[in-house]
Amino acid sequence: MRILLADDQVTVRSALRLLLEQEPHVEIIGESADATAVLQAIERVEPDLILLDWELPGLSPVQLLRLLRYERPLLRIIALSSRPEARKRALAAHVDAFVSKSAPPEELLAAVRIQIDGGYDET
């Protein structure tokens, strides 16, 4: 699965890359630090999955999600946030999964594996 990492913090993107590069069937194909870069990247690198910081600068999360779904309807999106209260809004906006940034790494890996297997996760 081709994954784009989208977070404005380089340390978060680095940690995600380190964690996911150990996974079979995962290829990190790019990183973006804001909404504009995400929209440009999906055309250029054609990811299967985006790990999307729900508070990514540039657009509101709902606006960005609408644009992503318009451009790539089959794109899978896992929203990440350090604010647990964002879960309800992200799931209502139809992300494929939501993972708290404070969750153990295993929770993120499980969500990614579900997307690789083609399922949906609303944990």
PDB file of N, CA and C in Angstrom:
ATOM      1  N   MET A   1       0.848  -1.174   0.000  1.00  0.00           N
ATOM      2  CA  MET A   1       0.000   0.000   0.000  1.00  0.00           C
ATOM      3  C   MET A   1       0.890   1.231   0.000  1.00  0.00           C
ATOM      4  N   ARG A   2       0.580   2.148  -0.891  1.00  0.00           N
ATOM      5  CA  ARG A   2       1.339   3.387  -1.042  1.00  0.00           C
ATOM      6  C   ARG A   2       0.751   4.447  -0.106  1.00  0.00           C
ATOM      7  N   ILE A   3       1.588   4.947   0.822  1.00  0.00           N
ATOM      8  CA  ILE A   3       1.096   5.833   1.873  1.00  0.00           C
ATOM      9  C   ILE A   3       1.752   7.208   1.790  1.00  0.00           C
ATOM     10  N   LEU A   4       0.907   8.245   1.921  1.00  0.00           N
ATOM     11  CA  LEU A   4       1.353   9.632   2.034  1.00  0.00           C
ATOM     12  C   LEU A   4       1.184  10.056   3.484  1.00  0.00           C
ATOM     13  N   LEU A   5       2.233  10.636   4.069  1.00  0.00           N
ATOM     14  CA  LEU A   5       2.193  11.133   5.441  1.00  0.00           C
ATOM     15  C   LEU A   5       1.910  12.633   5.402  1.00  0.00           C
ATOM     16  N   ALA A   6       0.866  13.074   6.079  1.00  0.00           N
ATOM     17  CA  ALA A   6       0.491  14.488   6.063  1.00  0.00           C
ATOM     18  C   ALA A   6       0.359  15.008   7.482  1.00  0.00           C
ATOM     19  N   ASP A   7       1.387  15.714   7.923  1.00  0.00           N
ATOM     20  CA  ASP A   7       1.406  16.308   9.260  1.00  0.00           C
ATOM     21  C   ASP A   7       2.340  17.505   9.209  1.00  0.00           C
ATOM     22  N   ASP A   8       1.982  18.577   9.896  1.00  0.00           N
ATOM     23  CA  ASP A   8       2.826  19.773   9.854  1.00  0.00           C
ATOM     24  C   ASP A   8       4.071  19.662  10.734  1.00  0.00           C
ATOM     25  N   GLN A   9       4.136  18.639  11.557  1.00  0.00           N
ATOM     26  CA  GLN A   9       5.309  18.459  12.425  1.00  0.00           C
ATOM     27  C   GLN A   9       6.240  17.400  11.837  1.00  0.00           C
ATOM     28  N   VAL A  10       7.458  17.820  11.534  1.00  0.00           N
ATOM     29  CA  VAL A  10       8.430  16.904  10.927  1.00  0.00           C
ATOM     30  C   VAL A  10       8.735  15.728  11.854  1.00  0.00           C
ATOM     31  N   THR A  11       8.715  15.960  13.170  1.00  0.00           N
ATOM     32  CA  THR A  11       8.997  14.867  14.102  1.00  0.00           C
ATOM     33  C   THR A  11       7.908  13.789  14.046  1.00  0.00           C
ATOM     34  N   VAL A  12       6.661  14.209  13.868  1.00  0.00           N
ATOM     35  CA  VAL A  12       5.561  13.239  13.754  1.00  0.00           C
ATOM     36  C   VAL A  12       5.710  12.452  12.454  1.00  0.00           C
ATOM     37  N   ARG A  13       5.993  13.159  11.354  1.00  0.00           N
ATOM     38  CA  ARG A  13       6.169  12.458  10.073  1.00  0.00           C
ATOM     39  C   ARG A  13       7.330  11.479  10.152  1.00  0.00           C
ATOM     40  N   SER A  14       8.423  11.872  10.791  1.00  0.00           N
ATOM     41  CA  SER A  14       9.582  10.974  10.928  1.00  0.00           C
ATOM     42  C   SER A  14       9.231   9.743  11.751  1.00  0.00           C
ATOM     43  N   ALA A  15       8.506   9.939  12.843  1.00  0.00           N
ATOM     44  CA  ALA A  15       8.113   8.809  13.692  1.00  0.00           C
ATOM     45  C   ALA A  15       7.178   7.861  12.930  1.00  0.00           C
ATOM     46  N   LEU A  16       6.236   8.422  12.176  1.00  0.00           N
ATOM     47  CA  LEU A  16       5.331   7.591  11.384  1.00  0.00           C
ATOM     48  C   LEU A  16       6.104   6.800  10.339  1.00  0.00           C
ATOM     49  N   ARG A  17       7.037   7.466   9.679  1.00  0.00           N
ATOM     50  CA  ARG A  17       7.848   6.798   8.656  1.00  0.00           C
ATOM     51  C   ARG A  17       8.630   5.644   9.280  1.00  0.00           C
ATOM     52  N   LEU A  18       9.270   5.906  10.403  1.00  0.00           N
ATOM     53  CA  LEU A  18      10.068   4.875  11.072  1.00  0.00           C
ATOM     54  C   LEU A  18       9.204   3.672  11.438  1.00  0.00           C
ATOM     55  N   LEU A  19       8.020   3.929  11.965  1.00  0.00           N
ATOM     56  CA  LEU A  19       7.110   2.866  12.372  1.00  0.00           C
ATOM     57  C   LEU A  19       6.619   2.060  11.169  1.00  0.00           C
ATOM     58  N   LEU A  20       6.214   2.750  10.130  1.00  0.00           N
ATOM     59  CA  LEU A  20       5.567   2.073   8.999  1.00  0.00           C
ATOM     60  C   LEU A  20       6.536   1.420   8.038  1.00  0.00           C
ATOM     61  N   GLU A  21       7.770   1.884   7.979  1.00  0.00           N
ATOM     62  CA  GLU A  21       8.733   1.275   7.066  1.00  0.00           C
ATOM     63  C   GLU A  21       9.046  -0.170   7.428  1.00  0.00           C
ATOM     64  N   GLN A  22       8.719  -0.571   8.635  1.00  0.00           N
ATOM     65  CA  GLN A  22       8.947  -1.946   9.073  1.00  0.00           C
ATOM     66  C   GLN A  22       7.819  -2.883   8.645  1.00  0.00           C
ATOM     67  N   GLU A  23       6.725  -2.311   8.169  1.00  0.00           N
ATOM     68  CA  GLU A  23       5.548  -3.097   7.809  1.00  0.00           C
ATOM     69  C   GLU A  23       5.669  -3.665   6.393  1.00  0.00           C
ATOM     70  N   PRO A  24       5.329  -4.941   6.235  1.00  0.00           N
ATOM     71  CA  PRO A  24       5.289  -5.485   4.877  1.00  0.00           C
ATOM     72  C   PRO A  24       4.129  -4.842   4.113  1.00  0.00           C
ATOM     73  N   HIS A  25       4.258  -4.747   2.831  1.00  0.00           N
ATOM     74  CA  HIS A  25       3.222  -4.222   1.951  1.00  0.00           C
ATOM     75  C   HIS A  25       2.979  -2.730   2.127  1.00  0.00           C
ATOM     76  N   VAL A  26       3.925  -2.019   2.769  1.00  0.00           N
ATOM     77  CA  VAL A  26       3.787  -0.578   2.965  1.00  0.00           C
ATOM     78  C   VAL A  26       4.961   0.126   2.291  1.00  0.00           C
ATOM     79  N   GLU A  27       4.615   1.152   1.519  1.00  0.00           N
ATOM     80  CA  GLU A  27       5.631   1.993   0.889  1.00  0.00           C
ATOM     81  C   GLU A  27       5.268   3.446   1.189  1.00  0.00           C
ATOM     82  N   ILE A  28       6.157   4.158   1.874  1.00  0.00           N
ATOM     83  CA  ILE A  28       5.943   5.585   2.135  1.00  0.00           C
ATOM     84  C   ILE A  28       6.382   6.321   0.875  1.00  0.00           C
ATOM     85  N   ILE A  29       5.441   6.974   0.220  1.00  0.00           N
ATOM     86  CA  ILE A  29       5.746   7.588  -1.075  1.00  0.00           C
ATOM     87  C   ILE A  29       5.863   9.105  -1.022  1.00  0.00           C
ATOM     88  N   GLY A  30       5.616   9.686   0.152  1.00  0.00           N
ATOM     89  CA  GLY A  30       5.753  11.132   0.253  1.00  0.00           C
ATOM     90  C   GLY A  30       5.313  11.653   1.593  1.00  0.00           C
ATOM     91  N   GLU A  31       5.634  12.934   1.795  1.00  0.00           N
ATOM     92  CA  GLU A  31       5.258  13.634   3.016  1.00  0.00           C
ATOM     93  C   GLU A  31       4.771  15.020   2.639  1.00  0.00           C
ATOM     94  N   SER A  32       3.777  15.508   3.377  1.00  0.00           N
ATOM     95  CA  SER A  32       3.232  16.845   3.162  1.00  0.00           C
ATOM     96  C   SER A  32       3.047  17.525   4.505  1.00  0.00           C
ATOM     97  N   ALA A  33       3.298  18.845   4.531  1.00  0.00           N
ATOM     98  CA  ALA A  33       3.206  19.598   5.777  1.00  0.00           C
ATOM     99  C   ALA A  33       1.993  20.518   5.840  1.00  0.00           C
ATOM    100  N   ASP A  34       1.236  20.635   4.735  1.00  0.00           N
ATOM    101  CA  ASP A  34       0.029  21.464   4.750  1.00  0.00           C
ATOM    102  C   ASP A  34      -0.958  20.961   3.701  1.00  0.00           C
ATOM    103  N   ALA A  35      -2.160  21.514   3.729  1.00  0.00           N
ATOM    104  CA  ALA A  35      -3.233  21.037   2.859  1.00  0.00           C
ATOM    105  C   ALA A  35      -2.901  21.210   1.381  1.00  0.00           C
ATOM    106  N   THR A  36      -2.300  22.324   1.017  1.00  0.00           N
ATOM    107  CA  THR A  36      -1.944  22.553  -0.384  1.00  0.00           C
ATOM    108  C   THR A  36      -0.978  21.488  -0.879  1.00  0.00           C
ATOM    109  N   ALA A  37       0.017  21.163  -0.072  1.00  0.00           N
ATOM    110  CA  ALA A  37       0.987  20.137  -0.450  1.00  0.00           C
ATOM    111  C   ALA A  37       0.320  18.768  -0.578  1.00  0.00           C
ATOM    112  N   VAL A  38      -0.663  18.479   0.260  1.00  0.00           N
ATOM    113  CA  VAL A  38      -1.388  17.212   0.166  1.00  0.00           C
ATOM    114  C   VAL A  38      -2.117  17.121  -1.166  1.00  0.00           C
ATOM    115  N   LEU A  39      -2.819  18.185  -1.529  1.00  0.00           N
ATOM    116  CA  LEU A  39      -3.575  18.183  -2.775  1.00  0.00           C
ATOM    117  C   LEU A  39      -2.655  18.043  -3.991  1.00  0.00           C
ATOM    118  N   GLN A  40      -1.496  18.679  -3.939  1.00  0.00           N
ATOM    119  CA  GLN A  40      -0.523  18.537  -5.028  1.00  0.00           C
ATOM    120  C   GLN A  40       0.040  17.117  -5.056  1.00  0.00           C
ATOM    121  N   ALA A  41       0.327  16.574  -3.892  1.00  0.00           N
ATOM    122  CA  ALA A  41       0.946  15.246  -3.804  1.00  0.00           C
ATOM    123  C   ALA A  41       0.026  14.136  -4.302  1.00  0.00           C
ATOM    124  N   ILE A  42      -1.273  14.231  -4.038  1.00  0.00           N
ATOM    125  CA  ILE A  42      -2.145  13.127  -4.457  1.00  0.00           C
ATOM    126  C   ILE A  42      -2.186  12.997  -5.978  1.00  0.00           C
ATOM    127  N   GLU A  43      -1.993  14.088  -6.675  1.00  0.00           N
ATOM    128  CA  GLU A  43      -1.932  14.026  -8.136  1.00  0.00           C
ATOM    129  C   GLU A  43      -0.598  13.459  -8.602  1.00  0.00           C
ATOM    130  N   ARG A  44       0.457  13.831  -7.915  1.00  0.00           N
ATOM    131  CA  ARG A  44       1.809  13.461  -8.321  1.00  0.00           C
ATOM    132  C   ARG A  44       2.177  12.031  -7.941  1.00  0.00           C
ATOM    133  N   VAL A  45       1.894  11.617  -6.707  1.00  0.00           N
ATOM    134  CA  VAL A  45       2.375  10.315  -6.229  1.00  0.00           C
ATOM    135  C   VAL A  45       1.285   9.247  -6.130  1.00  0.00           C
ATOM    136  N   GLU A  46       0.019   9.650  -6.268  1.00  0.00           N
ATOM    137  CA  GLU A  46      -1.115   8.730  -6.276  1.00  0.00           C
ATOM    138  C   GLU A  46      -1.095   7.711  -5.132  1.00  0.00           C
ATOM    139  N   PRO A  47      -1.250   8.199  -3.903  1.00  0.00           N
ATOM    140  CA  PRO A  47      -1.258   7.274  -2.756  1.00  0.00           C
ATOM    141  C   PRO A  47      -2.541   6.445  -2.697  1.00  0.00           C
ATOM    142  N   ASP A  48      -2.444   5.317  -2.009  1.00  0.00           N
ATOM    143  CA  ASP A  48      -3.618   4.500  -1.700  1.00  0.00           C
ATOM    144  C   ASP A  48      -4.232   4.930  -0.371  1.00  0.00           C
ATOM    145  N   LEU A  49      -3.369   5.468   0.499  1.00  0.00           N
ATOM    146  CA  LEU A  49      -3.761   5.818   1.867  1.00  0.00           C
ATOM    147  C   LEU A  49      -3.036   7.082   2.290  1.00  0.00           C
ATOM    148  N   ILE A  50      -3.749   7.950   3.004  1.00  0.00           N
ATOM    149  CA  ILE A  50      -3.130   9.126   3.615  1.00  0.00           C
ATOM    150  C   ILE A  50      -3.304   9.015   5.119  1.00  0.00           C
ATOM    151  N   LEU A  51      -2.210   9.208   5.838  1.00  0.00           N
ATOM    152  CA  LEU A  51      -2.285   9.413   7.282  1.00  0.00           C
ATOM    153  C   LEU A  51      -2.350  10.918   7.447  1.00  0.00           C
ATOM    154  N   LEU A  52      -3.515  11.433   7.794  1.00  0.00           N
ATOM    155  CA  LEU A  52      -3.830  12.853   7.736  1.00  0.00           C
ATOM    156  C   LEU A  52      -3.993  13.460   9.115  1.00  0.00           C
ATOM    157  N   ASP A  53      -3.119  14.404   9.431  1.00  0.00           N
ATOM    158  CA  ASP A  53      -3.273  15.189  10.658  1.00  0.00           C
ATOM    159  C   ASP A  53      -4.580  15.972  10.530  1.00  0.00           C
ATOM    160  N   TRP A  54      -5.508  15.752  11.447  1.00  0.00           N
ATOM    161  CA  TRP A  54      -6.822  16.375  11.376  1.00  0.00           C
ATOM    162  C   TRP A  54      -6.743  17.891  11.512  1.00  0.00           C
ATOM    163  N   GLU A  55      -5.663  18.407  12.070  1.00  0.00           N
ATOM    164  CA  GLU A  55      -5.492  19.855  12.223  1.00  0.00           C
ATOM    165  C   GLU A  55      -4.448  20.394  11.243  1.00  0.00           C
ATOM    166  N   LEU A  56      -4.309  19.787  10.092  1.00  0.00           N
ATOM    167  CA  LEU A  56      -3.320  20.194   9.105  1.00  0.00           C
ATOM    168  C   LEU A  56      -3.595  21.630   8.640  1.00  0.00           C
ATOM    169  N   PRO A  57      -2.576  22.490   8.616  1.00  0.00           N
ATOM    170  CA  PRO A  57      -2.781  23.883   8.195  1.00  0.00           C
ATOM    171  C   PRO A  57      -3.178  24.001   6.722  1.00  0.00           C
ATOM    172  N   GLY A  58      -3.912  25.053   6.424  1.00  0.00           N
ATOM    173  CA  GLY A  58      -4.215  25.381   5.042  1.00  0.00           C
ATOM    174  C   GLY A  58      -5.693  25.389   4.710  1.00  0.00           C
ATOM    175  N   LEU A  59      -6.425  24.417   5.180  1.00  0.00           N
ATOM    176  CA  LEU A  59      -7.872  24.317   4.976  1.00  0.00           C
ATOM    177  C   LEU A  59      -8.481  23.695   6.218  1.00  0.00           C
ATOM    178  N   SER A  60      -9.782  23.859   6.368  1.00  0.00           N
ATOM    179  CA  SER A  60     -10.421  23.143   7.468  1.00  0.00           C
ATOM    180  C   SER A  60     -10.361  21.656   7.130  1.00  0.00           C
ATOM    181  N   PRO A  61     -10.357  20.797   8.131  1.00  0.00           N
ATOM    182  CA  PRO A  61     -10.274  19.366   7.850  1.00  0.00           C
ATOM    183  C   PRO A  61     -11.420  18.865   6.976  1.00  0.00           C
ATOM    184  N   VAL A  62     -12.606  19.383   7.180  1.00  0.00           N
ATOM    185  CA  VAL A  62     -13.755  18.935   6.398  1.00  0.00           C
ATOM    186  C   VAL A  62     -13.605  19.377   4.939  1.00  0.00           C
ATOM    187  N   GLN A  63     -13.145  20.613   4.717  1.00  0.00           N
ATOM    188  CA  GLN A  63     -12.915  21.081   3.339  1.00  0.00           C
ATOM    189  C   GLN A  63     -11.859  20.224   2.648  1.00  0.00           C
ATOM    190  N   LEU A  64     -10.763  19.958   3.335  1.00  0.00           N
ATOM    191  CA  LEU A  64      -9.702  19.157   2.749  1.00  0.00           C
ATOM    192  C   LEU A  64     -10.210  17.757   2.417  1.00  0.00           C
ATOM    193  N   LEU A  65     -10.946  17.173   3.328  1.00  0.00           N
ATOM    194  CA  LEU A  65     -11.479  15.832   3.097  1.00  0.00           C
ATOM    195  C   LEU A  65     -12.406  15.806   1.879  1.00  0.00           C
ATOM    196  N   ARG A  66     -13.254  16.808   1.738  1.00  0.00           N
ATOM    197  CA  ARG A  66     -14.138  16.877   0.563  1.00  0.00           C
ATOM    198  C   ARG A  66     -13.337  16.930  -0.733  1.00  0.00           C
ATOM    199  N   LEU A  67     -12.282  17.755  -0.748  1.00  0.00           N
ATOM    200  CA  LEU A  67     -11.440  17.859  -1.948  1.00  0.00           C
ATOM    201  C   LEU A  67     -10.726  16.541  -2.237  1.00  0.00           C
ATOM    202  N   LEU A  68     -10.222  15.901  -1.188  1.00  0.00           N
ATOM    203  CA  LEU A  68      -9.541  14.625  -1.375  1.00  0.00           C
ATOM    204  C   LEU A  68     -10.496  13.579  -1.938  1.00  0.00           C
ATOM    205  N   ARG A  69     -11.701  13.521  -1.398  1.00  0.00           N
ATOM    206  CA  ARG A  69     -12.694  12.546  -1.854  1.00  0.00           C
ATOM    207  C   ARG A  69     -13.134  12.844  -3.299  1.00  0.00           C
ATOM    208  N   TYR A  70     -13.201  14.125  -3.647  1.00  0.00           N
ATOM    209  CA  TYR A  70     -13.562  14.501  -5.018  1.00  0.00           C
ATOM    210  C   TYR A  70     -12.471  14.071  -5.996  1.00  0.00           C
ATOM    211  N   GLU A  71     -11.219  14.360  -5.642  1.00  0.00           N
ATOM    212  CA  GLU A  71     -10.093  14.053  -6.522  1.00  0.00           C
ATOM    213  C   GLU A  71      -9.811  12.554  -6.608  1.00  0.00           C
ATOM    214  N   ARG A  72      -9.914  11.864  -5.477  1.00  0.00           N
ATOM    215  CA  ARG A  72      -9.581  10.433  -5.414  1.00  0.00           C
ATOM    216  C   ARG A  72     -10.630   9.706  -4.576  1.00  0.00           C
ATOM    217  N   PRO A  73     -11.765   9.348  -5.151  1.00  0.00           N
ATOM    218  CA  PRO A  73     -12.860   8.736  -4.379  1.00  0.00           C
ATOM    219  C   PRO A  73     -12.484   7.449  -3.653  1.00  0.00           C
ATOM    220  N   LEU A  74     -11.527   6.696  -4.167  1.00  0.00           N
ATOM    221  CA  LEU A  74     -11.159   5.424  -3.536  1.00  0.00           C
ATOM    222  C   LEU A  74     -10.006   5.555  -2.538  1.00  0.00           C
ATOM    223  N   LEU A  75      -9.496   6.763  -2.386  1.00  0.00           N
ATOM    224  CA  LEU A  75      -8.401   7.007  -1.449  1.00  0.00           C
ATOM    225  C   LEU A  75      -8.846   6.689  -0.027  1.00  0.00           C
ATOM    226  N   ARG A  76      -8.032   5.963   0.686  1.00  0.00           N
ATOM    227  CA  ARG A  76      -8.322   5.655   2.090  1.00  0.00           C
ATOM    228  C   ARG A  76      -7.636   6.711   2.957  1.00  0.00           C
ATOM    229  N   ILE A  77      -8.330   7.131   4.011  1.00  0.00           N
ATOM    230  CA  ILE A  77      -7.822   8.212   4.854  1.00  0.00           C
ATOM    231  C   ILE A  77      -7.954   7.812   6.314  1.00  0.00           C
ATOM    232  N   ILE A  78      -6.817   7.846   7.012  1.00  0.00           N
ATOM    233  CA  ILE A  78      -6.806   7.662   8.461  1.00  0.00           C
ATOM    234  C   ILE A  78      -6.486   9.021   9.060  1.00  0.00           C
ATOM    235  N   ALA A  79      -7.424   9.559   9.830  1.00  0.00           N
ATOM    236  CA  ALA A  79      -7.218  10.845  10.494  1.00  0.00           C
ATOM    237  C   ALA A  79      -6.453  10.619  11.795  1.00  0.00           C
ATOM    238  N   LEU A  80      -5.524  11.527  12.060  1.00  0.00           N
ATOM    239  CA  LEU A  80      -4.733  11.499  13.294  1.00  0.00           C
ATOM    240  C   LEU A  80      -4.931  12.821  14.026  1.00  0.00           C
ATOM    241  N   SER A  81      -5.074  12.757  15.330  1.00  0.00           N
ATOM    242  CA  SER A  81      -5.206  13.989  16.108  1.00  0.00           C
ATOM    243  C   SER A  81      -4.754  13.758  17.537  1.00  0.00           C
ATOM    244  N   SER A  82      -4.218  14.806  18.122  1.00  0.00           N
ATOM    245  CA  SER A  82      -3.863  14.752  19.542  1.00  0.00           C
ATOM    246  C   SER A  82      -5.070  15.146  20.398  1.00  0.00           C
ATOM    247  N   ARG A  83      -6.155  15.556  19.736  1.00  0.00           N
ATOM    248  CA  ARG A  83      -7.377  15.940  20.443  1.00  0.00           C
ATOM    249  C   ARG A  83      -8.428  14.844  20.286  1.00  0.00           C
ATOM    250  N   PRO A  84      -8.679  14.083  21.336  1.00  0.00           N
ATOM    251  CA  PRO A  84      -9.646  12.980  21.242  1.00  0.00           C
ATOM    252  C   PRO A  84     -11.036  13.431  20.792  1.00  0.00           C
ATOM    253  N   GLU A  85     -11.409  14.668  21.099  1.00  0.00           N
ATOM    254  CA  GLU A  85     -12.734  15.152  20.711  1.00  0.00           C
ATOM    255  C   GLU A  85     -12.879  15.300  19.187  1.00  0.00           C
ATOM    256  N   ALA A  86     -11.782  15.240  18.449  1.00  0.00           N
ATOM    257  CA  ALA A  86     -11.833  15.319  16.986  1.00  0.00           C
ATOM    258  C   ALA A  86     -12.353  14.022  16.364  1.00  0.00           C
ATOM    259  N   ARG A  87     -12.325  12.933  17.113  1.00  0.00           N
ATOM    260  CA  ARG A  87     -12.750  11.620  16.595  1.00  0.00           C
ATOM    261  C   ARG A  87     -14.160  11.665  15.997  1.00  0.00           C
ATOM    262  N   LYS A  88     -15.099  12.201  16.739  1.00  0.00           N
ATOM    263  CA  LYS A  88     -16.495  12.205  16.292  1.00  0.00           C
ATOM    264  C   LYS A  88     -16.648  12.992  14.990  1.00  0.00           C
ATOM    265  N   ARG A  89     -16.028  14.147  14.907  1.00  0.00           N
ATOM    266  CA  ARG A  89     -16.134  14.980  13.704  1.00  0.00           C
ATOM    267  C   ARG A  89     -15.447  14.310  12.510  1.00  0.00           C
ATOM    268  N   ALA A  90     -14.297  13.702  12.750  1.00  0.00           N
ATOM    269  CA  ALA A  90     -13.569  13.039  11.666  1.00  0.00           C
ATOM    270  C   ALA A  90     -14.373  11.859  11.122  1.00  0.00           C
ATOM    271  N   LEU A  91     -14.924  11.050  11.996  1.00  0.00           N
ATOM    272  CA  LEU A  91     -15.714   9.905  11.544  1.00  0.00           C
ATOM    273  C   LEU A  91     -16.998  10.363  10.852  1.00  0.00           C
ATOM    274  N   ALA A  92     -17.596  11.460  11.329  1.00  0.00           N
ATOM    275  CA  ALA A  92     -18.788  12.002  10.675  1.00  0.00           C
ATOM    276  C   ALA A  92     -18.458  12.527   9.275  1.00  0.00           C
ATOM    277  N   ALA A  93     -17.204  12.935   9.077  1.00  0.00           N
ATOM    278  CA  ALA A  93     -16.759  13.427   7.767  1.00  0.00           C
ATOM    279  C   ALA A  93     -16.330  12.284   6.850  1.00  0.00           C
ATOM    280  N   HIS A  94     -16.473  11.068   7.330  1.00  0.00           N
ATOM    281  CA  HIS A  94     -16.243   9.845   6.538  1.00  0.00           C
ATOM    282  C   HIS A  94     -14.776   9.529   6.274  1.00  0.00           C
ATOM    283  N   VAL A  95     -13.923   9.748   7.289  1.00  0.00           N
ATOM    284  CA  VAL A  95     -12.588   9.164   7.177  1.00  0.00           C
ATOM    285  C   VAL A  95     -12.754   7.662   7.347  1.00  0.00           C
ATOM    286  N   ASP A  96     -11.762   6.912   6.928  1.00  0.00           N
ATOM    287  CA  ASP A  96     -11.856   5.455   7.040  1.00  0.00           C
ATOM    288  C   ASP A  96     -11.516   4.965   8.441  1.00  0.00           C
ATOM    289  N   ALA A  97     -10.745   5.763   9.165  1.00  0.00           N
ATOM    290  CA  ALA A  97     -10.400   5.419  10.552  1.00  0.00           C
ATOM    291  C   ALA A  97      -9.874   6.666  11.236  1.00  0.00           C
ATOM    292  N   PHE A  98      -9.872   6.630  12.555  1.00  0.00           N
ATOM    293  CA  PHE A  98      -9.333   7.713  13.367  1.00  0.00           C
ATOM    294  C   PHE A  98      -8.419   7.093  14.412  1.00  0.00           C
ATOM    295  N   VAL A  99      -7.236   7.676  14.580  1.00  0.00           N
ATOM    296  CA  VAL A  99      -6.300   7.205  15.595  1.00  0.00           C
ATOM    297  C   VAL A  99      -5.780   8.417  16.358  1.00  0.00           C
ATOM    298  N   SER A 100      -5.851   8.342  17.662  1.00  0.00           N
ATOM    299  CA  SER A 100      -5.299   9.399  18.501  1.00  0.00           C
ATOM    300  C   SER A 100      -3.772   9.358  18.434  1.00  0.00           C
ATOM    301  N   LYS A 101      -3.168  10.525  18.380  1.00  0.00           N
ATOM    302  CA  LYS A 101      -1.700  10.583  18.347  1.00  0.00           C
ATOM    303  C   LYS A 101      -1.094  10.079  19.651  1.00  0.00           C
ATOM    304  N   SER A 102      -1.888  10.046  20.711  1.00  0.00           N
ATOM    305  CA  SER A 102      -1.377   9.545  21.991  1.00  0.00           C
ATOM    306  C   SER A 102      -1.580   8.038  22.150  1.00  0.00           C
ATOM    307  N   ALA A 103      -2.216   7.414  21.180  1.00  0.00           N
ATOM    308  CA  ALA A 103      -2.452   5.964  21.237  1.00  0.00           C
ATOM    309  C   ALA A 103      -1.131   5.213  21.053  1.00  0.00           C
ATOM    310  N   PRO A 104      -1.063   3.998  21.559  1.00  0.00           N
ATOM    311  CA  PRO A 104       0.135   3.191  21.333  1.00  0.00           C
ATOM    312  C   PRO A 104       0.334   2.936  19.837  1.00  0.00           C
ATOM    313  N   PRO A 105       1.573   2.773  19.406  1.00  0.00           N
ATOM    314  CA  PRO A 105       1.854   2.535  17.986  1.00  0.00           C
ATOM    315  C   PRO A 105       1.071   1.353  17.410  1.00  0.00           C
ATOM    316  N   GLU A 106       0.801   0.369  18.228  1.00  0.00           N
ATOM    317  CA  GLU A 106       0.065  -0.811  17.765  1.00  0.00           C
ATOM    318  C   GLU A 106      -1.327  -0.446  17.240  1.00  0.00           C
ATOM    319  N   GLU A 107      -1.931   0.573  17.815  1.00  0.00           N
ATOM    320  CA  GLU A 107      -3.263   0.986  17.373  1.00  0.00           C
ATOM    321  C   GLU A 107      -3.201   1.566  15.955  1.00  0.00           C
ATOM    322  N   LEU A 108      -2.191   2.364  15.676  1.00  0.00           N
ATOM    323  CA  LEU A 108      -2.025   2.898  14.324  1.00  0.00           C
ATOM    324  C   LEU A 108      -1.717   1.773  13.341  1.00  0.00           C
ATOM    325  N   LEU A 109      -0.829   0.880  13.735  1.00  0.00           N
ATOM    326  CA  LEU A 109      -0.492  -0.251  12.858  1.00  0.00           C
ATOM    327  C   LEU A 109      -1.732  -1.091  12.555  1.00  0.00           C
ATOM    328  N   ALA A 110      -2.574  -1.310  13.544  1.00  0.00           N
ATOM    329  CA  ALA A 110      -3.797  -2.091  13.333  1.00  0.00           C
ATOM    330  C   ALA A 110      -4.711  -1.373  12.339  1.00  0.00           C
ATOM    331  N   ALA A 111      -4.844  -0.067  12.461  1.00  0.00           N
ATOM    332  CA  ALA A 111      -5.690   0.694  11.535  1.00  0.00           C
ATOM    333  C   ALA A 111      -5.142   0.636  10.116  1.00  0.00           C
ATOM    334  N   VAL A 112      -3.832   0.724   9.978  1.00  0.00           N
ATOM    335  CA  VAL A 112      -3.209   0.637   8.648  1.00  0.00           C
ATOM    336  C   VAL A 112      -3.418  -0.754   8.067  1.00  0.00           C
ATOM    337  N   ARG A 113      -3.227  -1.766   8.882  1.00  0.00           N
ATOM    338  CA  ARG A 113      -3.408  -3.154   8.398  1.00  0.00           C
ATOM    339  C   ARG A 113      -4.841  -3.396   7.936  1.00  0.00           C
ATOM    340  N   ILE A 114      -5.803  -2.836   8.634  1.00  0.00           N
ATOM    341  CA  ILE A 114      -7.201  -2.971   8.224  1.00  0.00           C
ATOM    342  C   ILE A 114      -7.392  -2.348   6.841  1.00  0.00           C
ATOM    343  N   GLN A 115      -6.772  -1.209   6.605  1.00  0.00           N
ATOM    344  CA  GLN A 115      -6.904  -0.554   5.300  1.00  0.00           C
ATOM    345  C   GLN A 115      -6.203  -1.367   4.209  1.00  0.00           C
ATOM    346  N   ILE A 116      -5.091  -1.978   4.544  1.00  0.00           N
ATOM    347  CA  ILE A 116      -4.394  -2.834   3.578  1.00  0.00           C
ATOM    348  C   ILE A 116      -5.284  -4.006   3.191  1.00  0.00           C
ATOM    349  N   ASP A 117      -5.998  -4.532   4.182  1.00  0.00           N
ATOM    350  CA  ASP A 117      -6.892  -5.672   3.925  1.00  0.00           C
ATOM    351  C   ASP A 117      -8.212  -5.249   3.294  1.00  0.00           C
ATOM    352  N   GLY A 118      -8.414  -3.932   3.139  1.00  0.00           N
ATOM    353  CA  GLY A 118      -9.614  -3.440   2.462  1.00  0.00           C
ATOM    354  C   GLY A 118     -10.796  -3.226   3.366  1.00  0.00           C
ATOM    355  N   GLY A 119     -10.595  -3.285   4.666  1.00  0.00           N
ATOM    356  CA  GLY A 119     -11.710  -3.112   5.600  1.00  0.00           C
ATOM    357  C   GLY A 119     -11.828  -1.690   6.099  1.00  0.00           C
ATOM    358  N   TYR A 120     -12.744  -1.500   6.993  1.00  0.00           N
ATOM    359  CA  TYR A 120     -12.971  -0.179   7.590  1.00  0.00           C
ATOM    360  C   TYR A 120     -12.864  -0.315   9.092  1.00  0.00           C
ATOM    361  N   ASP A 121     -12.373   0.750   9.712  1.00  0.00           N
ATOM    362  CA  ASP A 121     -12.158   0.744  11.160  1.00  0.00           C
ATOM    363  C   ASP A 121     -12.744   2.009  11.742  1.00  0.00           C
ATOM    364  N   GLU A 122     -13.664   1.861  12.664  1.00  0.00           N
ATOM    365  CA  GLU A 122     -14.250   3.037  13.314  1.00  0.00           C
ATOM    366  C   GLU A 122     -13.910   3.058  14.795  1.00  0.00           C
ATOM    367  N   THR A 123     -12.728   2.537  15.139  1.00  0.00           N
ATOM    368  CA  THR A 123     -12.328   2.550  16.546  1.00  0.00           C
ATOM    369  C   THR A 123     -11.907   3.915  16.977  1.00  0.00           C
TER     370      THR A 123
END
